[in-house]
C-alpha atoms as a PDB file:
ATOM      1  CA  MET A   1      44.012  16.931-119.418  1.00  0.00           C
ATOM      2  CA  GLU A   2      42.399  20.298-118.682  1.00  0.00           C
ATOM      3  CA  VAL A   3      39.767  20.522-115.956  1.00  0.00           C
ATOM      4  CA  ASP A   4      37.760  23.579-114.913  1.00  0.00           C
ATOM      5  CA  VAL A   5      38.066  24.696-111.296  1.00  0.00           C
ATOM      6  CA  ILE A   6      35.403  27.062-110.021  1.00  0.00           C
ATOM      7  CA  ILE A   7      36.405  29.550-107.309  1.00  0.00           C
ATOM      8  CA  GLU A   8      33.509  31.131-105.443  1.00  0.00           C
ATOM      9  CA  ARG A   9      33.032  33.367-102.467  1.00  0.00           C
ATOM     10  CA  GLY A  10      30.480  32.161 -99.932  1.00  0.00           C
ATOM     11  CA  SER A  11      27.964  34.321 -98.118  1.00  0.00           C
ATOM     12  CA  ASP A  12      30.139  34.018 -94.983  1.00  0.00           C
ATOM     13  CA  GLY A  13      33.097  35.615 -96.810  1.00  0.00           C
ATOM     14  CA  THR A  14      35.134  32.417 -97.155  1.00  0.00           C
ATOM     15  CA  TYR A  15      36.140  30.904-100.471  1.00  0.00           C
ATOM     16  CA  SER A  16      35.851  27.478-102.016  1.00  0.00           C
ATOM     17  CA  ALA A  17      37.265  25.831-105.117  1.00  0.00           C
ATOM     18  CA  TYR A  18      35.873  22.717-106.720  1.00  0.00           C
ATOM     19  CA  MET A  19      36.506  20.943-109.976  1.00  0.00           C
ATOM     20  CA  ASP A  20      34.414  19.602-112.799  1.00  0.00           C
ATOM     21  CA  THR A  21      34.298  15.837-112.208  1.00  0.00           C
ATOM     22  CA  ASN A  22      32.896  14.862-115.612  1.00  0.00           C
ATOM     23  CA  LYS A  23      36.364  14.060-116.993  1.00  0.00           C
ATOM     24  CA  VAL A  24      37.934  12.224-114.030  1.00  0.00           C
ATOM     25  CA  SER A  25      36.938   9.637-111.452  1.00  0.00           C
ATOM     26  CA  PHE A  26      37.655  11.791-108.398  1.00  0.00           C
ATOM     27  CA  GLY A  27      36.831  15.229-107.093  1.00  0.00           C
ATOM     28  CA  LEU A  28      38.941  17.840-105.359  1.00  0.00           C
ATOM     29  CA  ILE A  29      38.029  20.811-103.211  1.00  0.00           C
ATOM     30  CA  GLY A  30      39.854  23.668-101.572  1.00  0.00           C
ATOM     31  CA  GLU A  31      38.706  26.096 -98.913  1.00  0.00           C
ATOM     32  CA  GLY A  32      40.120  29.189 -97.295  1.00  0.00           C
ATOM     33  CA  SER A  33      39.667  32.698 -96.040  1.00  0.00           C
ATOM     34  CA  SER A  34      41.222  34.147 -99.212  1.00  0.00           C
ATOM     35  CA  VAL A  35      41.438  33.111-102.847  1.00  0.00           C
ATOM     36  CA  LYS A  36      45.176  32.398-102.473  1.00  0.00           C
ATOM     37  CA  GLU A  37      44.608  30.240 -99.403  1.00  0.00           C
ATOM     38  CA  THR A  38      41.836  28.388-101.244  1.00  0.00           C
ATOM     39  CA  MET A  39      44.001  27.780-104.309  1.00  0.00           C
ATOM     40  CA  ASP A  40      46.830  26.516-102.080  1.00  0.00           C
ATOM     41  CA  ASP A  41      44.422  24.158-100.294  1.00  0.00           C
ATOM     42  CA  PHE A  42      43.098  22.940-103.654  1.00  0.00           C
ATOM     43  CA  SER A  43      46.652  22.329-104.886  1.00  0.00           C
ATOM     44  CA  ASN A  44      47.414  20.388-101.707  1.00  0.00           C
ATOM     45  CA  SER A  45      44.315  18.232-102.283  1.00  0.00           C
ATOM     46  CA  TYR A  46      45.609  17.470-105.784  1.00  0.00           C
ATOM     47  CA  LYS A  47      49.012  16.420-104.416  1.00  0.00           C
ATOM     48  CA  GLU A  48      47.358  14.216-101.787  1.00  0.00           C
ATOM     49  CA  MET A  49      45.176  12.537-104.414  1.00  0.00           C
ATOM     50  CA  LYS A  50      48.196  11.936-106.629  1.00  0.00           C
ATOM     51  CA  SER A  51      50.061  10.355-103.684  1.00  0.00           C
ATOM     52  CA  TYR A  52      47.071   8.176-102.859  1.00  0.00           C
ATOM     53  CA  TYR A  53      46.903   6.901-106.446  1.00  0.00           C
ATOM     54  CA  GLN A  54      50.634   6.127-106.424  1.00  0.00           C
ATOM     55  CA  GLU A  55      50.433   4.340-103.050  1.00  0.00           C
ATOM     56  CA  THR A  56      47.549   2.156-104.216  1.00  0.00           C
ATOM     57  CA  GLY A  57      49.078   1.412-107.620  1.00  0.00           C
ATOM     58  CA  LYS A  58      46.341   3.172-109.565  1.00  0.00           C
ATOM     59  CA  VAL A  59      47.020   5.069-112.783  1.00  0.00           C
ATOM     60  CA  PHE A  60      46.917   8.810-112.168  1.00  0.00           C
ATOM     61  CA  ILE A  61      46.168  11.201-115.016  1.00  0.00           C
ATOM     62  CA  GLU A  62      48.016  14.512-114.701  1.00  0.00           C
ATOM     63  CA  LEU A  63      45.639  17.461-114.778  1.00  0.00           C
ATOM     64  CA  GLU A  64      45.954  21.090-115.790  1.00  0.00           C
ATOM     65  CA  PHE A  65      43.526  23.421-114.107  1.00  0.00           C
ATOM     66  CA  VAL A  66      41.635  26.284-115.714  1.00  0.00           C
ATOM     67  CA  TYR A  67      40.531  28.542-112.872  1.00  0.00           C
ATOM     68  CA  LYS A  68      37.184  30.253-113.271  1.00  0.00           C
ATOM     69  CA  TYR A  69      36.108  32.870-110.767  1.00  0.00           C
ATOM     70  CA  ASP A  70      32.875  34.369-109.657  1.00  0.00           C
ATOM     71  CA  VAL A  71      33.187  38.169-109.892  1.00  0.00           C
ATOM     72  CA  SER A  72      33.584  38.656-106.139  1.00  0.00           C
ATOM     73  CA  SER A  73      36.460  36.165-105.948  1.00  0.00           C
ATOM     74  CA  PHE A  74      38.213  37.647-108.968  1.00  0.00           C
ATOM     75  CA  LEU A  75      37.963  41.201-107.635  1.00  0.00           C
ATOM     76  CA  GLN A  76      39.197  40.147-104.193  1.00  0.00           C
ATOM     77  CA  TYR A  77      42.100  38.138-105.600  1.00  0.00           C
ATOM     78  CA  TYR A  78      43.354  40.935-107.824  1.00  0.00           C
ATOM     79  CA  SER A  79      42.491  43.829-105.487  1.00  0.00           C
ATOM     80  CA  GLY A  80      46.157  44.364-104.641  1.00  0.00           C
ATOM     81  CA  ILE A  81      46.952  44.862-108.323  1.00  0.00           C
ATOM     82  CA  LEU A  82      43.832  46.370-109.871  1.00  0.00           C
ATOM     83  CA  SER A  83      42.110  49.257-108.130  1.00  0.00           C
ATOM     84  CA  LEU A  84      38.354  49.649-108.352  1.00  0.00           C
ATOM     85  CA  ALA A  85      38.875  53.023-110.037  1.00  0.00           C
ATOM     86  CA  GLY A  86      41.098  51.355-112.637  1.00  0.00           C
ATOM     87  CA  LEU A  87      38.619  48.534-113.138  1.00  0.00           C
ATOM     88  CA  GLU A  88      35.877  51.097-113.603  1.00  0.00           C
ATOM     89  CA  LYS A  89      37.872  52.618-116.463  1.00  0.00           C
ATOM     90  CA  VAL A  90      38.561  49.235-118.029  1.00  0.00           C
ATOM     91  CA  THR A  91      35.099  47.684-117.632  1.00  0.00           C
ATOM     92  CA  GLY A  92      32.754  50.655-117.621  1.00  0.00           C
ATOM     93  CA  VAL A  93      31.163  49.347-114.412  1.00  0.00           C
ATOM     94  CA  ASN A  94      30.848  51.937-111.639  1.00  0.00           C
ATOM     95  CA  LYS A  95      33.408  51.428-108.852  1.00  0.00           C
ATOM     96  CA  GLY A  96      30.603  51.631-106.280  1.00  0.00           C
ATOM     97  CA  GLN A  97      28.964  48.628-107.952  1.00  0.00           C
ATOM     98  CA  LEU A  98      32.302  46.825-108.119  1.00  0.00           C
ATOM     99  CA  SER A  99      32.776  47.482-104.403  1.00  0.00           C
ATOM    100  CA  HIS A 100      29.425  45.826-103.674  1.00  0.00           C
ATOM    101  CA  TYR A 101      30.556  42.800-105.688  1.00  0.00           C
ATOM    102  CA  VAL A 102      33.861  42.585-103.779  1.00  0.00           C
ATOM    103  CA  THR A 103      32.124  42.637-100.413  1.00  0.00           C
ATOM    104  CA  GLY A 104      29.410  40.240-101.518  1.00  0.00           C
ATOM    105  CA  ARG A 105      26.630  42.733-100.740  1.00  0.00           C
ATOM    106  CA  ARG A 106      25.374  42.319-104.280  1.00  0.00           C
ATOM    107  CA  ARG A 107      25.825  39.859-107.104  1.00  0.00           C
ATOM    108  CA  PRO A 108      26.183  41.097-110.666  1.00  0.00           C
ATOM    109  CA  SER A 109      23.664  40.102-113.308  1.00  0.00           C
ATOM    110  CA  GLN A 110      24.798  37.679-115.987  1.00  0.00           C
ATOM    111  CA  LYS A 111      24.887  40.584-118.442  1.00  0.00           C
ATOM    112  CA  THR A 112      27.252  42.513-116.140  1.00  0.00           C
ATOM    113  CA  VAL A 113      29.445  39.424-115.601  1.00  0.00           C
ATOM    114  CA  GLU A 114      29.776  39.024-119.365  1.00  0.00           C
ATOM    115  CA  LYS A 115      30.542  42.739-119.781  1.00  0.00           C
ATOM    116  CA  ILE A 116      33.292  42.644-117.141  1.00  0.00           C
ATOM    117  CA  GLU A 117      34.827  39.494-118.602  1.00  0.00           C
ATOM    118  CA  LYS A 118      34.756  40.820-122.171  1.00  0.00           C
ATOM    119  CA  LYS A 119      36.295  44.174-121.227  1.00  0.00           C
ATOM    120  CA  LEU A 120      39.029  42.484-119.153  1.00  0.00           C
ATOM    121  CA  HIS A 121      39.904  40.250-122.108  1.00  0.00           C
ATOM    122  CA  VAL A 122      40.136  43.292-124.405  1.00  0.00           C
ATOM    123  CA  PHE A 123      42.404  45.005-121.855  1.00  0.00           C
ATOM    124  CA  ALA A 124      44.564  41.870-121.491  1.00  0.00           C
ATOM    125  CA  LYS A 125      44.920  41.654-125.265  1.00  0.00           C
ATOM    126  CA  GLU A 126      46.021  45.287-125.371  1.00  0.00           C
ATOM    127  CA  LEU A 127      48.609  44.585-122.665  1.00  0.00           C
ATOM    128  CA  SER A 128      49.892  41.513-124.479  1.00  0.00           C
ATOM    129  CA  GLN A 129      50.708  43.709-127.468  1.00  0.00           C
ATOM    130  CA  VAL A 130      52.853  46.168-125.501  1.00  0.00           C
ATOM    131  CA  HIS A 131      56.531  46.240-126.458  1.00  0.00           C
ATOM    132  CA  PHE A 132      59.255  48.404-124.948  1.00  0.00           C
ATOM    133  CA  VAL A 133      62.338  49.812-126.654  1.00  0.00           C
END
């Protein structure tokens, strides 16, 4: 079963991950000082919940997670791979603005979030069609 996991950056610079609990009878969270650390903590929470269910004889439904990021978390997580200058070319959003989103100084409008997401999907589709000889 697929469950959405939201990854967000807090105003203190730390990250949290939490899942949509509408489909299951339990909730999971993860916290950390980076997106990776948060995802690892979330994964550990999942393993602990699975163990608890097994120990108590309860039926455990295996879950697949669909990670959804706020813009700040996404930019921070992929900052080692995607430069702000490169993201500016891909998304059309000024790298100065993107920098403010990474640091949490500003939050993008919903229109800007949608623009970034759409342009990244177009770029990903282009990459998926690359073939080498």
